[in-house]
Amino acid sequence: MPEKFENISFREWLESIAKVWGALPRIEQVGELNFRDAIHSCKVIEFLNSNLNENATIVTDVGAGLLSGHYMFEAKENQRLITSQGLGEMGFGLPGAIGAYFGDKSRQLICLNTDGAIMFNLQELQLISQHNIPIKLFVFNNFGYSMIKISQENLFESRFSGSDLSSGISFPSFEKVSETFGLDYLRVDSEQVMGEELISRLESDRPVLIEVIMSPSQKYLPRLATTKRDDGSLVSPPLEDLDPKIDLDLLEELLGHKAHENSYKARGM
């Protein structure tokens, strides 16, 4: 370690982080948690936090796998989180997980993928089948491209195009996809399924596709959101001021200084 980093105390930094976590518990910032016949992606990550092996490797794609995965996952000392942080490219998760497996076959292998992203490299399921890679492939299915849909909803008066089932796209039955490629399959659409049944799949030495049924209306929160004002102008708050908006006094207390002017504008102030 370079000499300039020796004997440095991170106490104040850690205390500041602990203060933020205490004031803003993560699970309380994700919005509506309960949906009929569907499950929130963050609840799945919470379950994995308590039930993955100490040596698990978790590889993310985009969408729910990336956003809920990064936000909620609590990595233990010997676990590894692998992701692509280029331009949010779809399709990295599956080949990335295959590479992680051949890099170290002793680790439990988890891939957090989505209905849209997995379609970019669906053919790699044949390689998984051929080599009997014991991947646990989570496919978060919200029946569309939710990030595109959210932007169309937020900025274009919900004029949806190419973002969900009603506006021009569809996806295959992932249960049939699993059968085609010789993978085991589990559908997770409630917390009741996230028990012994899911744990047994995580412990299996077989490749398993685990389809997580999400609500199409689930939002990925917290998120940096552009606000459209009554005059049509757009206001983008700074990175530290995410949706859902917290009380401005609390924001400034946690920041330790006055909030950015766009934080005021985004609140209509």
C-alpha atoms as a PDB file:
ATOM      1  CA  MET A   1       0.000   0.000   0.000  1.00  0.00           C
ATOM      2  CA  PRO A   2       1.384   3.453  -0.888  1.00  0.00           C
ATOM      3  CA  GLU A   3       2.788   5.279   2.120  1.00  0.00           C
ATOM      4  CA  LYS A   4       0.342   8.182   1.721  1.00  0.00           C
ATOM      5  CA  PHE A   5      -2.575   5.840   2.499  1.00  0.00           C
ATOM      6  CA  GLU A   6      -1.131   4.437   5.701  1.00  0.00           C
ATOM      7  CA  ASN A   7      -2.628   5.314   9.079  1.00  0.00           C
ATOM      8  CA  ILE A   8      -5.646   7.026   7.542  1.00  0.00           C
ATOM      9  CA  SER A   9      -8.832   6.890   9.577  1.00  0.00           C
ATOM     10  CA  PHE A  10     -12.076   6.367   7.690  1.00  0.00           C
ATOM     11  CA  ARG A  11     -14.147   6.772  10.844  1.00  0.00           C
ATOM     12  CA  GLU A  12     -15.942   9.972   9.799  1.00  0.00           C
ATOM     13  CA  TRP A  13     -16.704   8.557   6.340  1.00  0.00           C
ATOM     14  CA  LEU A  14     -18.103   5.338   7.811  1.00  0.00           C
ATOM     15  CA  GLU A  15     -20.138   7.277  10.359  1.00  0.00           C
ATOM     16  CA  SER A  16     -21.584   9.414   7.555  1.00  0.00           C
ATOM     17  CA  ILE A  17     -22.579   6.296   5.586  1.00  0.00           C
ATOM     18  CA  ALA A  18     -24.148   4.742   8.677  1.00  0.00           C
ATOM     19  CA  LYS A  19     -26.156   7.948   9.235  1.00  0.00           C
ATOM     20  CA  VAL A  20     -27.540   7.850   5.685  1.00  0.00           C
ATOM     21  CA  TRP A  21     -28.395   4.144   5.948  1.00  0.00           C
ATOM     22  CA  GLY A  22     -30.118   4.770   9.264  1.00  0.00           C
ATOM     23  CA  ALA A  23     -32.172   7.661   7.908  1.00  0.00           C
ATOM     24  CA  LEU A  24     -32.994   5.978   4.580  1.00  0.00           C
ATOM     25  CA  PRO A  25     -33.332   2.177   4.916  1.00  0.00           C
ATOM     26  CA  ARG A  26     -32.848   0.744   1.439  1.00  0.00           C
ATOM     27  CA  ILE A  27     -35.948  -1.422   1.273  1.00  0.00           C
ATOM     28  CA  GLU A  28     -38.098   1.582   2.221  1.00  0.00           C
ATOM     29  CA  GLN A  29     -36.921   3.563  -0.820  1.00  0.00           C
ATOM     30  CA  VAL A  30     -38.027   1.132  -3.541  1.00  0.00           C
ATOM     31  CA  GLY A  31     -41.692   2.104  -3.703  1.00  0.00           C
ATOM     32  CA  GLU A  32     -44.652  -0.294  -3.743  1.00  0.00           C
ATOM     33  CA  LEU A  33     -43.514  -3.746  -2.599  1.00  0.00           C
ATOM     34  CA  ASN A  34     -46.667  -5.832  -2.877  1.00  0.00           C
ATOM     35  CA  PHE A  35     -48.222  -6.864  -6.174  1.00  0.00           C
ATOM     36  CA  ARG A  36     -50.873  -9.416  -7.032  1.00  0.00           C
ATOM     37  CA  ASP A  37     -49.480 -12.563  -8.716  1.00  0.00           C
ATOM     38  CA  ALA A  38     -46.048 -10.938  -8.936  1.00  0.00           C
ATOM     39  CA  ILE A  39     -43.042 -10.232  -6.745  1.00  0.00           C
ATOM     40  CA  HIS A  40     -40.781  -7.222  -6.333  1.00  0.00           C
ATOM     41  CA  SER A  41     -37.274  -7.813  -7.676  1.00  0.00           C
ATOM     42  CA  CYS A  42     -35.733  -6.362  -4.498  1.00  0.00           C
ATOM     43  CA  LYS A  43     -37.410  -9.044  -2.381  1.00  0.00           C
ATOM     44  CA  VAL A  44     -35.662 -11.684  -4.479  1.00  0.00           C
ATOM     45  CA  ILE A  45     -32.270 -10.056  -3.900  1.00  0.00           C
ATOM     46  CA  GLU A  46     -33.027  -9.855  -0.175  1.00  0.00           C
ATOM     47  CA  PHE A  47     -33.678 -13.597  -0.222  1.00  0.00           C
ATOM     48  CA  LEU A  48     -30.404 -14.255  -2.037  1.00  0.00           C
ATOM     49  CA  ASN A  49     -28.497 -12.195   0.530  1.00  0.00           C
ATOM     50  CA  SER A  50     -29.459 -14.763   3.159  1.00  0.00           C
ATOM     51  CA  ASN A  51     -29.249 -17.938   1.094  1.00  0.00           C
ATOM     52  CA  LEU A  52     -26.283 -17.793  -1.278  1.00  0.00           C
ATOM     53  CA  ASN A  53     -23.072 -19.682  -0.588  1.00  0.00           C
ATOM     54  CA  GLU A  54     -20.127 -17.821   0.879  1.00  0.00           C
ATOM     55  CA  ASN A  55     -18.224 -18.331  -2.406  1.00  0.00           C
ATOM     56  CA  ALA A  56     -21.010 -17.299  -4.784  1.00  0.00           C
ATOM     57  CA  THR A  57     -20.240 -15.380  -7.974  1.00  0.00           C
ATOM     58  CA  ILE A  58     -23.078 -13.102  -9.076  1.00  0.00           C
ATOM     59  CA  VAL A  59     -23.080 -11.799 -12.658  1.00  0.00           C
ATOM     60  CA  THR A  60     -25.575  -9.130 -13.710  1.00  0.00           C
ATOM     61  CA  ASP A  61     -27.091  -8.065 -16.988  1.00  0.00           C
ATOM     62  CA  VAL A  62     -29.179  -4.873 -17.211  1.00  0.00           C
ATOM     63  CA  GLY A  63     -32.649  -3.898 -16.011  1.00  0.00           C
ATOM     64  CA  ALA A  64     -33.780  -5.532 -12.769  1.00  0.00           C
ATOM     65  CA  GLY A  65     -30.664  -7.696 -12.607  1.00  0.00           C
ATOM     66  CA  LEU A  66     -28.380  -4.677 -12.621  1.00  0.00           C
ATOM     67  CA  LEU A  67     -30.527  -2.127 -10.779  1.00  0.00           C
ATOM     68  CA  SER A  68     -32.092  -4.235  -8.037  1.00  0.00           C
ATOM     69  CA  GLY A  69     -28.982  -6.410  -7.901  1.00  0.00           C
ATOM     70  CA  HIS A  70     -26.573  -3.560  -7.294  1.00  0.00           C
ATOM     71  CA  TYR A  71     -28.928  -1.703  -4.988  1.00  0.00           C
ATOM     72  CA  MET A  72     -29.920  -4.552  -2.692  1.00  0.00           C
ATOM     73  CA  PHE A  73     -27.116  -7.125  -2.864  1.00  0.00           C
ATOM     74  CA  GLU A  74     -24.982  -7.336   0.285  1.00  0.00           C
ATOM     75  CA  ALA A  75     -21.761  -9.055  -0.738  1.00  0.00           C
ATOM     76  CA  LYS A  76     -19.964 -11.188   1.802  1.00  0.00           C
ATOM     77  CA  GLU A  77     -16.184 -11.277   1.990  1.00  0.00           C
ATOM     78  CA  ASN A  78     -15.563 -14.135  -0.434  1.00  0.00           C
ATOM     79  CA  GLN A  79     -18.444 -13.456  -2.817  1.00  0.00           C
ATOM     80  CA  ARG A  80     -17.857 -11.746  -6.150  1.00  0.00           C
ATOM     81  CA  LEU A  81     -20.138  -9.398  -8.092  1.00  0.00           C
ATOM     82  CA  ILE A  82     -19.333  -9.137 -11.800  1.00  0.00           C
ATOM     83  CA  THR A  83     -20.998  -6.620 -14.078  1.00  0.00           C
ATOM     84  CA  SER A  84     -20.427  -4.638 -17.247  1.00  0.00           C
ATOM     85  CA  GLN A  85     -20.422  -0.906 -16.713  1.00  0.00           C
ATOM     86  CA  GLY A  86     -20.000   0.269 -20.258  1.00  0.00           C
ATOM     87  CA  LEU A  87     -23.179   1.850 -21.587  1.00  0.00           C
ATOM     88  CA  GLY A  88     -25.649  -0.519 -19.958  1.00  0.00           C
ATOM     89  CA  GLU A  89     -25.369  -2.930 -22.875  1.00  0.00           C
ATOM     90  CA  MET A  90     -27.925  -5.735 -22.955  1.00  0.00           C
ATOM     91  CA  GLY A  91     -26.658  -9.282 -23.299  1.00  0.00           C
ATOM     92  CA  PHE A  92     -23.566  -9.293 -21.073  1.00  0.00           C
ATOM     93  CA  GLY A  93     -24.977 -11.405 -18.246  1.00  0.00           C
ATOM     94  CA  LEU A  94     -25.145 -14.868 -19.791  1.00  0.00           C
ATOM     95  CA  PRO A  95     -21.738 -14.957 -21.543  1.00  0.00           C
ATOM     96  CA  GLY A  96     -20.239 -13.129 -18.568  1.00  0.00           C
ATOM     97  CA  ALA A  97     -21.492 -15.859 -16.248  1.00  0.00           C
ATOM     98  CA  ILE A  98     -20.129 -18.580 -18.554  1.00  0.00           C
ATOM     99  CA  GLY A  99     -16.731 -16.912 -18.469  1.00  0.00           C
ATOM    100  CA  ALA A 100     -16.889 -16.702 -14.669  1.00  0.00           C
ATOM    101  CA  TYR A 101     -17.643 -20.431 -14.495  1.00  0.00           C
ATOM    102  CA  PHE A 102     -14.651 -21.450 -16.576  1.00  0.00           C
ATOM    103  CA  GLY A 103     -12.505 -19.040 -14.554  1.00  0.00           C
ATOM    104  CA  ASP A 104     -13.389 -20.855 -11.303  1.00  0.00           C
ATOM    105  CA  LYS A 105     -15.674 -23.893 -11.425  1.00  0.00           C
ATOM    106  CA  SER A 106     -15.688 -24.259  -7.628  1.00  0.00           C
ATOM    107  CA  ARG A 107     -17.953 -21.246  -7.063  1.00  0.00           C
ATOM    108  CA  GLN A 108     -21.737 -21.164  -6.907  1.00  0.00           C
ATOM    109  CA  LEU A 109     -22.811 -19.342 -10.078  1.00  0.00           C
ATOM    110  CA  ILE A 110     -25.722 -16.866 -10.160  1.00  0.00           C
ATOM    111  CA  CYS A 111     -26.778 -14.781 -13.163  1.00  0.00           C
ATOM    112  CA  LEU A 112     -29.269 -11.941 -12.691  1.00  0.00           C
ATOM    113  CA  ASN A 113     -30.862 -11.453 -16.107  1.00  0.00           C
ATOM    114  CA  THR A 114     -34.103 -10.121 -17.619  1.00  0.00           C
ATOM    115  CA  ASP A 115     -36.698 -11.038 -20.204  1.00  0.00           C
ATOM    116  CA  GLY A 116     -35.365  -8.434 -22.639  1.00  0.00           C
ATOM    117  CA  ALA A 117     -31.625  -8.787 -22.089  1.00  0.00           C
ATOM    118  CA  ILE A 118     -31.440 -12.574 -22.259  1.00  0.00           C
ATOM    119  CA  MET A 119     -32.848 -12.483 -25.796  1.00  0.00           C
ATOM    120  CA  PHE A 120     -29.602 -10.885 -26.984  1.00  0.00           C
ATOM    121  CA  ASN A 121     -27.570 -14.032 -26.218  1.00  0.00           C
ATOM    122  CA  LEU A 122     -30.177 -16.749 -25.842  1.00  0.00           C
ATOM    123  CA  GLN A 123     -28.060 -19.114 -27.939  1.00  0.00           C
ATOM    124  CA  GLU A 124     -25.541 -19.379 -25.088  1.00  0.00           C
ATOM    125  CA  LEU A 125     -28.030 -21.605 -23.254  1.00  0.00           C
ATOM    126  CA  GLN A 126     -26.905 -24.399 -25.574  1.00  0.00           C
ATOM    127  CA  LEU A 127     -23.328 -24.026 -24.335  1.00  0.00           C
ATOM    128  CA  ILE A 128     -24.613 -24.174 -20.751  1.00  0.00           C
ATOM    129  CA  SER A 129     -26.534 -27.331 -21.578  1.00  0.00           C
ATOM    130  CA  GLN A 130     -23.590 -28.927 -23.420  1.00  0.00           C
ATOM    131  CA  HIS A 131     -21.165 -28.365 -20.536  1.00  0.00           C
ATOM    132  CA  ASN A 132     -23.796 -28.875 -17.817  1.00  0.00           C
ATOM    133  CA  ILE A 133     -22.823 -25.573 -16.216  1.00  0.00           C
ATOM    134  CA  PRO A 134     -24.665 -25.448 -12.853  1.00  0.00           C
ATOM    135  CA  ILE A 135     -25.792 -21.860 -13.340  1.00  0.00           C
ATOM    136  CA  LYS A 136     -28.768 -20.443 -11.490  1.00  0.00           C
ATOM    137  CA  LEU A 137     -30.151 -18.129 -14.151  1.00  0.00           C
ATOM    138  CA  PHE A 138     -32.664 -15.617 -12.767  1.00  0.00           C
ATOM    139  CA  VAL A 139     -34.817 -14.104 -15.507  1.00  0.00           C
ATOM    140  CA  PHE A 140     -36.698 -11.097 -14.107  1.00  0.00           C
ATOM    141  CA  ASN A 141     -39.764 -10.908 -16.328  1.00  0.00           C
ATOM    142  CA  ASN A 142     -41.744  -7.662 -16.358  1.00  0.00           C
ATOM    143  CA  PHE A 143     -43.114  -8.267 -19.863  1.00  0.00           C
ATOM    144  CA  GLY A 144     -41.293  -5.444 -21.594  1.00  0.00           C
ATOM    145  CA  TYR A 145     -38.502  -2.893 -21.513  1.00  0.00           C
ATOM    146  CA  SER A 146     -39.361  -1.120 -18.293  1.00  0.00           C
ATOM    147  CA  MET A 147     -36.673   1.574 -18.410  1.00  0.00           C
ATOM    148  CA  ILE A 148     -37.864   2.674 -21.845  1.00  0.00           C
ATOM    149  CA  LYS A 149     -41.469   2.478 -20.676  1.00  0.00           C
ATOM    150  CA  ILE A 150     -40.722   4.625 -17.606  1.00  0.00           C
ATOM    151  CA  SER A 151     -39.109   7.322 -19.777  1.00  0.00           C
ATOM    152  CA  GLN A 152     -42.070   7.284 -22.175  1.00  0.00           C
ATOM    153  CA  GLU A 153     -44.406   7.532 -19.211  1.00  0.00           C
ATOM    154  CA  ASN A 154     -42.458  10.334 -17.568  1.00  0.00           C
ATOM    155  CA  LEU A 155     -41.628  12.509 -20.579  1.00  0.00           C
ATOM    156  CA  PHE A 156     -44.030  11.555 -23.369  1.00  0.00           C
ATOM    157  CA  GLU A 157     -47.433  11.396 -21.669  1.00  0.00           C
ATOM    158  CA  SER A 158     -47.404   7.561 -21.624  1.00  0.00           C
ATOM    159  CA  ARG A 159     -47.292   7.269 -25.411  1.00  0.00           C
ATOM    160  CA  PHE A 160     -45.749   3.805 -25.351  1.00  0.00           C
ATOM    161  CA  SER A 161     -43.936   2.436 -28.370  1.00  0.00           C
ATOM    162  CA  GLY A 162     -41.924  -0.782 -28.515  1.00  0.00           C
ATOM    163  CA  SER A 163     -41.731  -1.005 -24.751  1.00  0.00           C
ATOM    164  CA  ASP A 164     -44.405  -3.494 -23.646  1.00  0.00           C
ATOM    165  CA  LEU A 165     -46.807  -6.158 -24.870  1.00  0.00           C
ATOM    166  CA  SER A 166     -49.418  -3.628 -25.949  1.00  0.00           C
ATOM    167  CA  SER A 167     -46.987  -1.512 -27.985  1.00  0.00           C
ATOM    168  CA  GLY A 168     -45.330  -4.015 -30.267  1.00  0.00           C
ATOM    169  CA  ILE A 169     -43.034  -6.495 -28.479  1.00  0.00           C
ATOM    170  CA  SER A 170     -43.380  -9.939 -26.940  1.00  0.00           C
ATOM    171  CA  PHE A 171     -41.239 -12.677 -25.424  1.00  0.00           C
ATOM    172  CA  PRO A 172     -41.243 -16.478 -25.536  1.00  0.00           C
ATOM    173  CA  SER A 173     -42.366 -18.812 -22.793  1.00  0.00           C
ATOM    174  CA  PHE A 174     -39.253 -19.164 -20.666  1.00  0.00           C
ATOM    175  CA  GLU A 175     -40.532 -22.462 -19.326  1.00  0.00           C
ATOM    176  CA  LYS A 176     -40.522 -23.791 -22.904  1.00  0.00           C
ATOM    177  CA  VAL A 177     -37.096 -22.213 -23.484  1.00  0.00           C
ATOM    178  CA  SER A 178     -35.800 -24.111 -20.438  1.00  0.00           C
ATOM    179  CA  GLU A 179     -37.260 -27.351 -21.760  1.00  0.00           C
ATOM    180  CA  THR A 180     -35.755 -26.765 -25.228  1.00  0.00           C
ATOM    181  CA  PHE A 181     -32.244 -26.286 -23.858  1.00  0.00           C
ATOM    182  CA  GLY A 182     -32.499 -28.966 -21.160  1.00  0.00           C
ATOM    183  CA  LEU A 183     -32.472 -26.657 -18.128  1.00  0.00           C
ATOM    184  CA  ASP A 184     -34.523 -27.165 -15.001  1.00  0.00           C
ATOM    185  CA  TYR A 185     -37.181 -24.513 -14.437  1.00  0.00           C
ATOM    186  CA  LEU A 186     -38.812 -22.729 -11.509  1.00  0.00           C
ATOM    187  CA  ARG A 187     -41.424 -19.967 -11.602  1.00  0.00           C
ATOM    188  CA  VAL A 188     -41.272 -17.455  -8.739  1.00  0.00           C
ATOM    189  CA  ASP A 189     -44.365 -15.260  -8.508  1.00  0.00           C
ATOM    190  CA  SER A 190     -44.831 -14.974  -4.747  1.00  0.00           C
ATOM    191  CA  GLU A 191     -42.881 -14.997  -1.510  1.00  0.00           C
ATOM    192  CA  GLN A 192     -44.304 -18.437  -0.758  1.00  0.00           C
ATOM    193  CA  VAL A 193     -42.149 -19.921  -3.506  1.00  0.00           C
ATOM    194  CA  MET A 194     -39.057 -18.300  -2.007  1.00  0.00           C
ATOM    195  CA  GLY A 195     -38.469 -20.964   0.584  1.00  0.00           C
ATOM    196  CA  GLU A 196     -37.347 -24.571   0.487  1.00  0.00           C
ATOM    197  CA  GLU A 197     -38.291 -24.882  -3.178  1.00  0.00           C
ATOM    198  CA  LEU A 198     -36.004 -22.066  -4.299  1.00  0.00           C
ATOM    199  CA  ILE A 199     -33.251 -23.074  -1.867  1.00  0.00           C
ATOM    200  CA  SER A 200     -33.245 -26.591  -3.321  1.00  0.00           C
ATOM    201  CA  ARG A 201     -32.768 -25.118  -6.807  1.00  0.00           C
ATOM    202  CA  LEU A 202     -29.901 -22.951  -5.574  1.00  0.00           C
ATOM    203  CA  GLU A 203     -28.214 -26.046  -4.142  1.00  0.00           C
ATOM    204  CA  SER A 204     -28.767 -28.145  -7.262  1.00  0.00           C
ATOM    205  CA  ASP A 205     -25.801 -29.258  -9.389  1.00  0.00           C
ATOM    206  CA  ARG A 206     -27.967 -28.754 -12.492  1.00  0.00           C
ATOM    207  CA  PRO A 207     -28.479 -25.595 -14.575  1.00  0.00           C
ATOM    208  CA  VAL A 208     -31.734 -23.939 -13.531  1.00  0.00           C
ATOM    209  CA  LEU A 209     -33.696 -21.102 -15.135  1.00  0.00           C
ATOM    210  CA  ILE A 210     -35.612 -19.272 -12.409  1.00  0.00           C
ATOM    211  CA  GLU A 211     -38.270 -17.005 -13.888  1.00  0.00           C
ATOM    212  CA  VAL A 212     -39.219 -14.170 -11.549  1.00  0.00           C
ATOM    213  CA  ILE A 213     -42.635 -12.748 -12.425  1.00  0.00           C
ATOM    214  CA  MET A 214     -42.611  -9.008 -11.819  1.00  0.00           C
ATOM    215  CA  SER A 215     -45.379  -6.461 -12.150  1.00  0.00           C
ATOM    216  CA  PRO A 216     -45.099  -4.384 -15.366  1.00  0.00           C
ATOM    217  CA  SER A 217     -45.870  -1.359 -13.190  1.00  0.00           C
ATOM    218  CA  GLN A 218     -42.912  -1.851 -10.826  1.00  0.00           C
ATOM    219  CA  LYS A 219     -40.557   1.111 -10.865  1.00  0.00           C
ATOM    220  CA  TYR A 220     -36.821   0.941 -10.216  1.00  0.00           C
ATOM    221  CA  LEU A 221     -36.345   3.204  -7.244  1.00  0.00           C
ATOM    222  CA  PRO A 222     -34.425   5.101  -6.087  1.00  0.00           C
ATOM    223  CA  ARG A 223     -33.534   6.593  -9.456  1.00  0.00           C
ATOM    224  CA  LEU A 224     -32.381   9.861 -10.942  1.00  0.00           C
ATOM    225  CA  ALA A 225     -35.530  11.267 -12.524  1.00  0.00           C
ATOM    226  CA  THR A 226     -35.948  14.184 -14.881  1.00  0.00           C
ATOM    227  CA  THR A 227     -38.972  16.319 -14.040  1.00  0.00           C
ATOM    228  CA  LYS A 228     -41.109  17.859 -16.751  1.00  0.00           C
ATOM    229  CA  ARG A 229     -42.435  21.237 -15.643  1.00  0.00           C
ATOM    230  CA  ASP A 230     -45.745  22.827 -16.612  1.00  0.00           C
ATOM    231  CA  ASP A 231     -44.035  24.983 -19.255  1.00  0.00           C
ATOM    232  CA  GLY A 232     -42.517  21.882 -20.906  1.00  0.00           C
ATOM    233  CA  SER A 233     -38.976  22.493 -19.680  1.00  0.00           C
ATOM    234  CA  LEU A 234     -37.001  19.640 -18.134  1.00  0.00           C
ATOM    235  CA  VAL A 235     -35.253  19.761 -14.766  1.00  0.00           C
ATOM    236  CA  SER A 236     -32.654  17.175 -13.770  1.00  0.00           C
ATOM    237  CA  PRO A 237     -31.725  17.158 -10.076  1.00  0.00           C
ATOM    238  CA  PRO A 238     -28.131  16.317  -9.122  1.00  0.00           C
ATOM    239  CA  LEU A 239     -27.062  12.720  -8.557  1.00  0.00           C
ATOM    240  CA  GLU A 240     -27.511  12.909  -4.779  1.00  0.00           C
ATOM    241  CA  ASP A 241     -31.197  13.824  -5.107  1.00  0.00           C
ATOM    242  CA  LEU A 242     -33.014  10.729  -6.319  1.00  0.00           C
ATOM    243  CA  ASP A 243     -36.652   9.749  -6.602  1.00  0.00           C
ATOM    244  CA  PRO A 244     -38.597   9.170  -4.446  1.00  0.00           C
ATOM    245  CA  LYS A 245     -37.846  12.668  -3.249  1.00  0.00           C
ATOM    246  CA  ILE A 246     -37.085  12.980   0.436  1.00  0.00           C
ATOM    247  CA  ASP A 247     -37.814  16.060   2.533  1.00  0.00           C
ATOM    248  CA  LEU A 248     -35.512  18.898   1.490  1.00  0.00           C
ATOM    249  CA  ASP A 249     -34.468  19.595   5.080  1.00  0.00           C
ATOM    250  CA  LEU A 250     -33.376  15.954   5.486  1.00  0.00           C
ATOM    251  CA  LEU A 251     -31.499  16.072   2.176  1.00  0.00           C
ATOM    252  CA  GLU A 252     -29.554  19.151   3.258  1.00  0.00           C
ATOM    253  CA  GLU A 253     -28.876  17.658   6.683  1.00  0.00           C
ATOM    254  CA  LEU A 254     -27.377  14.530   5.133  1.00  0.00           C
ATOM    255  CA  LEU A 255     -25.431  16.537   2.575  1.00  0.00           C
ATOM    256  CA  GLY A 256     -24.124  18.955   5.175  1.00  0.00           C
ATOM    257  CA  HIS A 257     -24.772  21.928   2.874  1.00  0.00           C
ATOM    258  CA  LYS A 258     -27.493  23.665   0.869  1.00  0.00           C
ATOM    259  CA  ALA A 259     -29.049  21.555  -1.868  1.00  0.00           C
ATOM    260  CA  HIS A 260     -28.534  22.285  -5.576  1.00  0.00           C
ATOM    261  CA  GLU A 261     -30.930  24.784  -7.156  1.00  0.00           C
ATOM    262  CA  ASN A 262     -32.397  22.035  -9.357  1.00  0.00           C
ATOM    263  CA  SER A 263     -33.435  20.156  -6.213  1.00  0.00           C
ATOM    264  CA  TYR A 264     -35.596  23.171  -5.399  1.00  0.00           C
ATOM    265  CA  LYS A 265     -36.924  23.457  -8.953  1.00  0.00           C
ATOM    266  CA  ALA A 266     -37.804  19.747  -9.077  1.00  0.00           C
ATOM    267  CA  ARG A 267     -39.979  20.298  -6.011  1.00  0.00           C
ATOM    268  CA  GLY A 268     -41.696  23.297  -7.569  1.00  0.00           C
ATOM    269  CA  MET A 269     -39.879  25.727  -5.298  1.00  0.00           C
END
